[in-house]
N, C-alpha and C. Protein backbone atom coordinates (compact mmCIF):
# COMPACT_ATOMS: atom_id res chain seq x y z
N MET A 1 -10.63 13.65 -13.84
CA MET A 1 -9.29 13.45 -13.36
C MET A 1 -9.35 12.56 -12.12
N PRO A 2 -9.11 11.27 -12.26
CA PRO A 2 -9.11 10.41 -11.07
C PRO A 2 -7.85 10.61 -10.24
N VAL A 3 -8.04 10.53 -8.93
CA VAL A 3 -6.93 10.50 -7.99
C VAL A 3 -7.04 9.19 -7.23
N VAL A 4 -6.02 8.36 -7.35
CA VAL A 4 -6.01 7.05 -6.70
C VAL A 4 -5.00 7.14 -5.55
N THR A 5 -5.46 6.81 -4.35
CA THR A 5 -4.57 6.80 -3.19
C THR A 5 -4.36 5.36 -2.77
N ILE A 6 -3.09 4.97 -2.66
CA ILE A 6 -2.73 3.62 -2.24
C ILE A 6 -1.98 3.75 -0.92
N GLN A 7 -2.49 3.11 0.11
CA GLN A 7 -1.80 3.11 1.40
C GLN A 7 -1.20 1.72 1.61
N ILE A 8 0.09 1.71 1.94
CA ILE A 8 0.78 0.46 2.19
C ILE A 8 1.60 0.61 3.47
N THR A 9 1.89 -0.51 4.09
CA THR A 9 2.72 -0.45 5.29
C THR A 9 4.16 -0.21 4.91
N ARG A 10 4.90 0.37 5.82
CA ARG A 10 6.29 0.68 5.57
C ARG A 10 7.20 -0.46 6.04
N GLU A 11 6.69 -1.66 6.10
CA GLU A 11 7.46 -2.80 6.57
C GLU A 11 8.33 -3.43 5.50
N GLY A 12 8.01 -3.22 4.26
CA GLY A 12 8.72 -3.92 3.20
C GLY A 12 8.09 -5.29 2.98
N THR A 13 8.48 -5.92 1.89
CA THR A 13 7.87 -7.20 1.55
C THR A 13 8.87 -8.34 1.57
N THR A 14 10.14 -8.02 1.79
CA THR A 14 11.15 -9.06 1.87
C THR A 14 11.92 -8.89 3.17
N PRO A 15 12.49 -9.96 3.71
CA PRO A 15 13.23 -9.84 4.97
C PRO A 15 14.32 -8.78 4.88
N GLY A 16 14.37 -7.92 5.88
CA GLY A 16 15.38 -6.87 5.92
C GLY A 16 15.01 -5.61 5.16
N ALA A 17 13.95 -5.65 4.39
CA ALA A 17 13.54 -4.47 3.62
C ALA A 17 12.79 -3.50 4.52
N ASP A 18 13.11 -2.22 4.43
CA ASP A 18 12.46 -1.22 5.26
C ASP A 18 11.19 -0.67 4.63
N ALA A 19 11.14 -0.66 3.31
CA ALA A 19 10.00 -0.03 2.66
C ALA A 19 9.87 -0.57 1.24
N THR A 20 8.85 -0.11 0.59
CA THR A 20 8.60 -0.49 -0.79
C THR A 20 9.66 0.15 -1.68
N THR A 21 10.16 -0.59 -2.64
CA THR A 21 11.21 -0.07 -3.52
C THR A 21 10.62 0.89 -4.56
N ALA A 22 11.51 1.66 -5.18
CA ALA A 22 11.09 2.58 -6.24
C ALA A 22 10.48 1.81 -7.40
N GLU A 23 11.02 0.64 -7.70
CA GLU A 23 10.48 -0.18 -8.79
C GLU A 23 9.07 -0.68 -8.46
N GLN A 24 8.84 -1.07 -7.22
CA GLN A 24 7.50 -1.51 -6.81
C GLN A 24 6.51 -0.36 -6.87
N LYS A 25 6.94 0.83 -6.44
CA LYS A 25 6.05 1.98 -6.50
C LYS A 25 5.71 2.34 -7.94
N ALA A 26 6.70 2.27 -8.82
CA ALA A 26 6.45 2.55 -10.24
C ALA A 26 5.44 1.56 -10.80
N ALA A 27 5.54 0.29 -10.41
CA ALA A 27 4.59 -0.72 -10.87
C ALA A 27 3.19 -0.44 -10.34
N LEU A 28 3.08 0.01 -9.10
CA LEU A 28 1.77 0.37 -8.55
C LEU A 28 1.16 1.54 -9.31
N ILE A 29 1.97 2.55 -9.60
CA ILE A 29 1.48 3.72 -10.34
C ILE A 29 1.00 3.31 -11.73
N LYS A 30 1.81 2.52 -12.40
CA LYS A 30 1.44 2.06 -13.75
C LYS A 30 0.17 1.23 -13.70
N GLY A 31 0.10 0.29 -12.78
CA GLY A 31 -1.06 -0.59 -12.70
C GLY A 31 -2.34 0.14 -12.36
N ALA A 32 -2.27 1.07 -11.40
CA ALA A 32 -3.47 1.83 -11.01
C ALA A 32 -3.92 2.72 -12.17
N SER A 33 -2.97 3.33 -12.86
CA SER A 33 -3.31 4.19 -13.99
C SER A 33 -3.95 3.39 -15.13
N GLU A 34 -3.39 2.22 -15.41
CA GLU A 34 -3.95 1.37 -16.46
C GLU A 34 -5.33 0.85 -16.08
N LEU A 35 -5.56 0.61 -14.80
CA LEU A 35 -6.88 0.18 -14.35
C LEU A 35 -7.92 1.27 -14.61
N MET A 36 -7.57 2.52 -14.33
CA MET A 36 -8.49 3.64 -14.60
C MET A 36 -8.78 3.76 -16.09
N LEU A 37 -7.75 3.49 -16.93
CA LEU A 37 -7.95 3.53 -18.37
C LEU A 37 -8.88 2.40 -18.81
N GLN A 38 -8.63 1.19 -18.36
CA GLN A 38 -9.42 0.03 -18.79
C GLN A 38 -10.85 0.06 -18.28
N VAL A 39 -11.04 0.45 -17.03
CA VAL A 39 -12.38 0.39 -16.43
C VAL A 39 -13.20 1.65 -16.70
N LEU A 40 -12.56 2.81 -16.60
CA LEU A 40 -13.30 4.06 -16.71
C LEU A 40 -13.01 4.84 -17.98
N GLY A 41 -12.05 4.37 -18.78
CA GLY A 41 -11.68 5.09 -19.99
C GLY A 41 -10.94 6.39 -19.73
N LYS A 42 -10.33 6.52 -18.56
CA LYS A 42 -9.60 7.73 -18.21
C LYS A 42 -8.19 7.66 -18.80
N PRO A 43 -7.77 8.69 -19.51
CA PRO A 43 -6.43 8.68 -20.11
C PRO A 43 -5.35 8.59 -19.02
N LEU A 44 -4.25 7.95 -19.37
CA LEU A 44 -3.16 7.79 -18.41
C LEU A 44 -2.67 9.14 -17.89
N ASP A 45 -2.63 10.14 -18.77
CA ASP A 45 -2.08 11.43 -18.35
C ASP A 45 -3.06 12.29 -17.55
N SER A 46 -4.25 11.75 -17.26
CA SER A 46 -5.17 12.49 -16.41
C SER A 46 -5.35 11.82 -15.05
N THR A 47 -4.64 10.72 -14.82
CA THR A 47 -4.76 9.98 -13.56
C THR A 47 -3.59 10.29 -12.65
N PHE A 48 -3.89 10.66 -11.43
CA PHE A 48 -2.88 10.91 -10.42
C PHE A 48 -2.89 9.75 -9.42
N VAL A 49 -1.73 9.26 -9.07
CA VAL A 49 -1.62 8.17 -8.10
C VAL A 49 -0.76 8.66 -6.94
N VAL A 50 -1.28 8.53 -5.74
CA VAL A 50 -0.57 8.93 -4.52
C VAL A 50 -0.31 7.67 -3.70
N ILE A 51 0.95 7.45 -3.35
CA ILE A 51 1.30 6.29 -2.53
C ILE A 51 1.70 6.81 -1.16
N GLU A 52 1.01 6.32 -0.14
CA GLU A 52 1.31 6.69 1.23
C GLU A 52 1.85 5.46 1.96
N GLU A 53 3.05 5.57 2.49
CA GLU A 53 3.61 4.49 3.30
C GLU A 53 3.33 4.80 4.77
N VAL A 54 2.67 3.87 5.43
CA VAL A 54 2.25 4.07 6.81
C VAL A 54 3.19 3.32 7.73
N PRO A 55 3.84 4.02 8.68
CA PRO A 55 4.72 3.33 9.62
C PRO A 55 3.92 2.33 10.48
N LEU A 56 4.57 1.27 10.87
CA LEU A 56 3.92 0.20 11.63
C LEU A 56 3.21 0.74 12.87
N GLU A 57 3.83 1.71 13.54
CA GLU A 57 3.22 2.23 14.78
C GLU A 57 2.00 3.09 14.53
N ASN A 58 1.68 3.38 13.27
CA ASN A 58 0.54 4.24 12.95
C ASN A 58 -0.67 3.49 12.41
N TRP A 59 -0.75 2.19 12.62
CA TRP A 59 -1.94 1.49 12.17
C TRP A 59 -2.28 0.36 13.13
N GLY A 60 -3.54 -0.04 13.08
CA GLY A 60 -4.03 -1.08 13.98
C GLY A 60 -4.91 -2.06 13.26
N TRP A 61 -5.19 -3.14 13.95
CA TRP A 61 -6.00 -4.22 13.37
C TRP A 61 -6.72 -4.90 14.52
N GLY A 62 -7.98 -5.18 14.35
CA GLY A 62 -8.74 -5.87 15.39
C GLY A 62 -8.79 -5.12 16.70
N GLY A 63 -8.75 -3.78 16.65
CA GLY A 63 -8.83 -2.98 17.86
C GLY A 63 -7.52 -2.84 18.61
N LEU A 64 -6.42 -3.31 18.04
CA LEU A 64 -5.12 -3.28 18.70
C LEU A 64 -4.06 -2.69 17.78
N PRO A 65 -2.99 -2.15 18.37
CA PRO A 65 -1.84 -1.81 17.51
C PRO A 65 -1.35 -3.09 16.84
N VAL A 66 -0.89 -2.99 15.62
CA VAL A 66 -0.53 -4.19 14.85
C VAL A 66 0.47 -5.10 15.54
N PRO A 67 1.56 -4.59 16.14
CA PRO A 67 2.48 -5.53 16.81
C PRO A 67 1.78 -6.35 17.90
N GLU A 68 0.90 -5.70 18.66
CA GLU A 68 0.17 -6.40 19.71
C GLU A 68 -0.80 -7.42 19.11
N TYR A 69 -1.48 -7.05 18.04
CA TYR A 69 -2.39 -7.97 17.37
C TYR A 69 -1.64 -9.20 16.89
N ARG A 70 -0.49 -8.99 16.28
CA ARG A 70 0.30 -10.11 15.77
C ARG A 70 0.77 -11.02 16.91
N ARG A 71 1.17 -10.41 18.03
CA ARG A 71 1.59 -11.24 19.17
C ARG A 71 0.43 -12.09 19.68
N SER A 72 -0.76 -11.50 19.72
CA SER A 72 -1.92 -12.25 20.21
C SER A 72 -2.27 -13.39 19.26
N LYS A 73 -2.15 -13.18 17.95
CA LYS A 73 -2.41 -14.23 16.97
C LYS A 73 -1.35 -15.34 17.05
N ALA A 74 -0.10 -14.94 17.27
CA ALA A 74 0.98 -15.93 17.36
C ALA A 74 0.82 -16.81 18.59
N ALA A 75 0.28 -16.22 19.68
CA ALA A 75 0.08 -16.99 20.91
C ALA A 75 -1.01 -18.04 20.74
N ILE A 76 -1.98 -17.76 19.87
CA ILE A 76 -3.08 -18.70 19.62
C ILE A 76 -2.61 -19.86 18.76
N ALA A 77 -1.74 -19.58 17.82
CA ALA A 77 -1.31 -20.61 16.85
C ALA A 77 -0.42 -21.66 17.45
């Protein structure tokens, strides 16, 4: 019984979007389940997919909170 955990940011992927849509999450679940079937031969009904949306303030990059990291990269460009 595979358990696939997908962590994504809660920023959304389009301007003004707060989070991933239900349709996008359904596509992630389907795709991850089909990958387990194709690669490992695991039946779709034995695969569990967990999607965790991480708020922007709860993740970092390059040793910095993400907003600060992005500001530092923007200043270089």
